[in-house]
Amino acid sequence: MYEPKEYSVCNDRYTLSTTSQEMRMSHWVDTPIVRDKHTQKIVLDLSNTSWHLLEWEEDGSDLTLTLAKYPSLADRHKVYFNFASMLARFDDEDFSFRELSMKLKNWY
């Protein structure tokens, strides 16, 4: 089993963490969780999904996650978090963080 990873992002305001899940024998998926460090409120929780965090980057108060849904890890999707406006962009649509969580959890 892989150890969870945790990163402070966006000027130390948020935490990006991953939990690893074994999808098939020896194939692991790192699912992301984004949490507000000050309020402990979860912004995004994909821990019980098959979304794999491939990479992430931050720019000031913005965070970009590159995700792929197992088993199609070649099909990449970017999620842009704008914490100033409290909106996220996925597939050229803006969502509240709650709407984004529901959309990604129901993505086929």
Protein backbone atom coordinates (compact mmCIF):
# COMPACT_ATOMS: atom_id res chain seq x y z
CA MET A 1 0.00 0.00 0.00
CA TYR A 2 1.15 3.51 -0.78
CA GLU A 3 1.40 6.20 1.87
CA PRO A 4 -0.90 9.22 1.59
CA LYS A 5 0.79 12.39 0.39
CA GLU A 6 -0.02 15.91 1.56
CA TYR A 7 0.98 19.29 0.12
CA SER A 8 0.35 22.86 1.27
CA VAL A 9 -0.84 24.89 -1.70
CA CYS A 10 -2.04 28.38 -2.60
CA ASN A 11 -0.04 30.39 -0.08
CA ASP A 12 -0.48 27.72 2.60
CA ARG A 13 -4.27 28.22 2.65
CA TYR A 14 -5.25 24.80 1.27
CA THR A 15 -4.06 21.23 1.59
CA LEU A 16 -3.92 18.87 -1.36
CA SER A 17 -3.68 15.27 -0.25
CA THR A 18 -3.92 11.95 -2.01
CA THR A 19 -5.05 8.54 -0.94
CA SER A 20 -3.99 5.49 -2.91
CA GLN A 21 -6.37 2.76 -3.95
CA GLU A 22 -5.46 -0.50 -5.59
CA MET A 23 -7.67 -0.86 -8.68
CA ARG A 24 -6.14 -4.08 -9.96
CA MET A 25 -3.29 -6.15 -8.73
CA SER A 26 -0.32 -3.77 -8.49
CA HIS A 27 -2.13 -0.88 -10.19
CA TRP A 28 -2.64 2.07 -7.87
CA VAL A 29 -4.73 5.20 -8.31
CA ASP A 30 -3.96 8.34 -6.27
CA THR A 31 -7.25 10.11 -5.59
CA PRO A 32 -7.18 13.80 -4.55
CA ILE A 33 -8.71 15.66 -1.64
CA VAL A 34 -8.53 19.46 -1.36
CA ARG A 35 -9.21 20.98 2.07
CA ASP A 36 -9.30 24.55 3.38
CA LYS A 37 -6.68 24.59 6.16
CA HIS A 38 -8.34 27.42 8.11
CA THR A 39 -11.89 26.03 8.22
CA GLN A 40 -11.04 22.33 7.66
CA LYS A 41 -13.86 22.34 5.08
CA ILE A 42 -13.40 19.88 2.23
CA VAL A 43 -13.38 21.64 -1.12
CA LEU A 44 -13.09 18.48 -3.23
CA ASP A 45 -13.08 14.85 -2.15
CA LEU A 46 -12.53 12.21 -4.82
CA SER A 47 -11.16 9.62 -2.41
CA ASN A 48 -13.83 7.01 -3.17
CA THR A 49 -13.65 7.38 -6.93
CA SER A 50 -11.37 6.17 -9.70
CA TRP A 51 -10.06 9.67 -10.54
CA HIS A 52 -6.26 9.58 -10.58
CA LEU A 53 -4.25 12.72 -9.84
CA LEU A 54 -1.55 12.85 -12.50
CA GLU A 55 -0.08 16.25 -11.64
CA TRP A 56 -0.89 19.57 -10.03
CA GLU A 57 0.36 23.13 -10.14
CA GLU A 58 -0.43 26.30 -8.29
CA ASP A 59 -0.32 29.95 -9.27
CA GLY A 60 -0.90 32.29 -6.35
CA SER A 61 -4.41 31.51 -5.16
CA ASP A 62 -5.27 29.24 -8.10
CA LEU A 63 -4.78 25.49 -8.29
CA THR A 64 -4.85 23.23 -11.35
CA LEU A 65 -5.27 19.47 -11.10
CA THR A 66 -4.69 17.14 -14.02
CA LEU A 67 -6.89 14.08 -13.58
CA ALA A 68 -7.62 10.89 -15.47
CA LYS A 69 -10.41 8.45 -14.75
CA TYR A 70 -9.22 4.88 -14.37
CA PRO A 71 -8.89 2.79 -16.52
CA SER A 72 -8.50 5.40 -19.28
CA LEU A 73 -5.46 7.16 -17.86
CA ALA A 74 -4.53 8.59 -21.27
CA ASP A 75 -7.74 10.69 -21.32
CA ARG A 76 -6.65 13.69 -19.23
CA HIS A 77 -8.90 16.38 -17.78
CA LYS A 78 -7.85 19.63 -16.14
CA VAL A 79 -9.69 21.13 -13.20
CA TYR A 80 -8.94 24.79 -12.43
CA PHE A 81 -9.76 26.09 -8.95
CA ASN A 82 -10.13 29.83 -8.55
CA PHE A 83 -10.28 30.31 -4.79
CA ALA A 84 -10.86 34.06 -5.08
CA SER A 85 -14.19 33.47 -6.88
CA MET A 86 -14.80 30.05 -5.25
CA LEU A 87 -15.44 28.54 -8.69
CA ALA A 88 -13.89 25.63 -10.53
CA ARG A 89 -13.62 25.09 -14.28
CA PHE A 90 -13.93 21.62 -15.79
CA ASP A 91 -14.50 20.87 -19.49
CA ASP A 92 -15.02 24.60 -20.25
CA GLU A 93 -17.79 24.97 -17.66
CA ASP A 94 -17.73 26.80 -14.35
CA PHE A 95 -19.03 25.03 -11.25
CA SER A 96 -19.31 25.72 -7.56
CA PHE A 97 -16.98 23.39 -5.68
CA ARG A 98 -19.94 21.30 -4.51
CA GLU A 99 -21.33 21.00 -8.06
CA LEU A 100 -17.89 19.99 -9.31
CA SER A 101 -17.62 17.21 -6.74
CA MET A 102 -20.99 15.81 -7.81
CA LYS A 103 -20.13 16.08 -11.52
CA LEU A 104 -16.83 14.26 -11.11
CA LYS A 105 -18.29 11.54 -8.90
CA ASN A 106 -21.00 10.86 -11.50
CA TRP A 107 -18.63 11.05 -14.49
CA TYR A 108 -18.73 7.80 -16.45
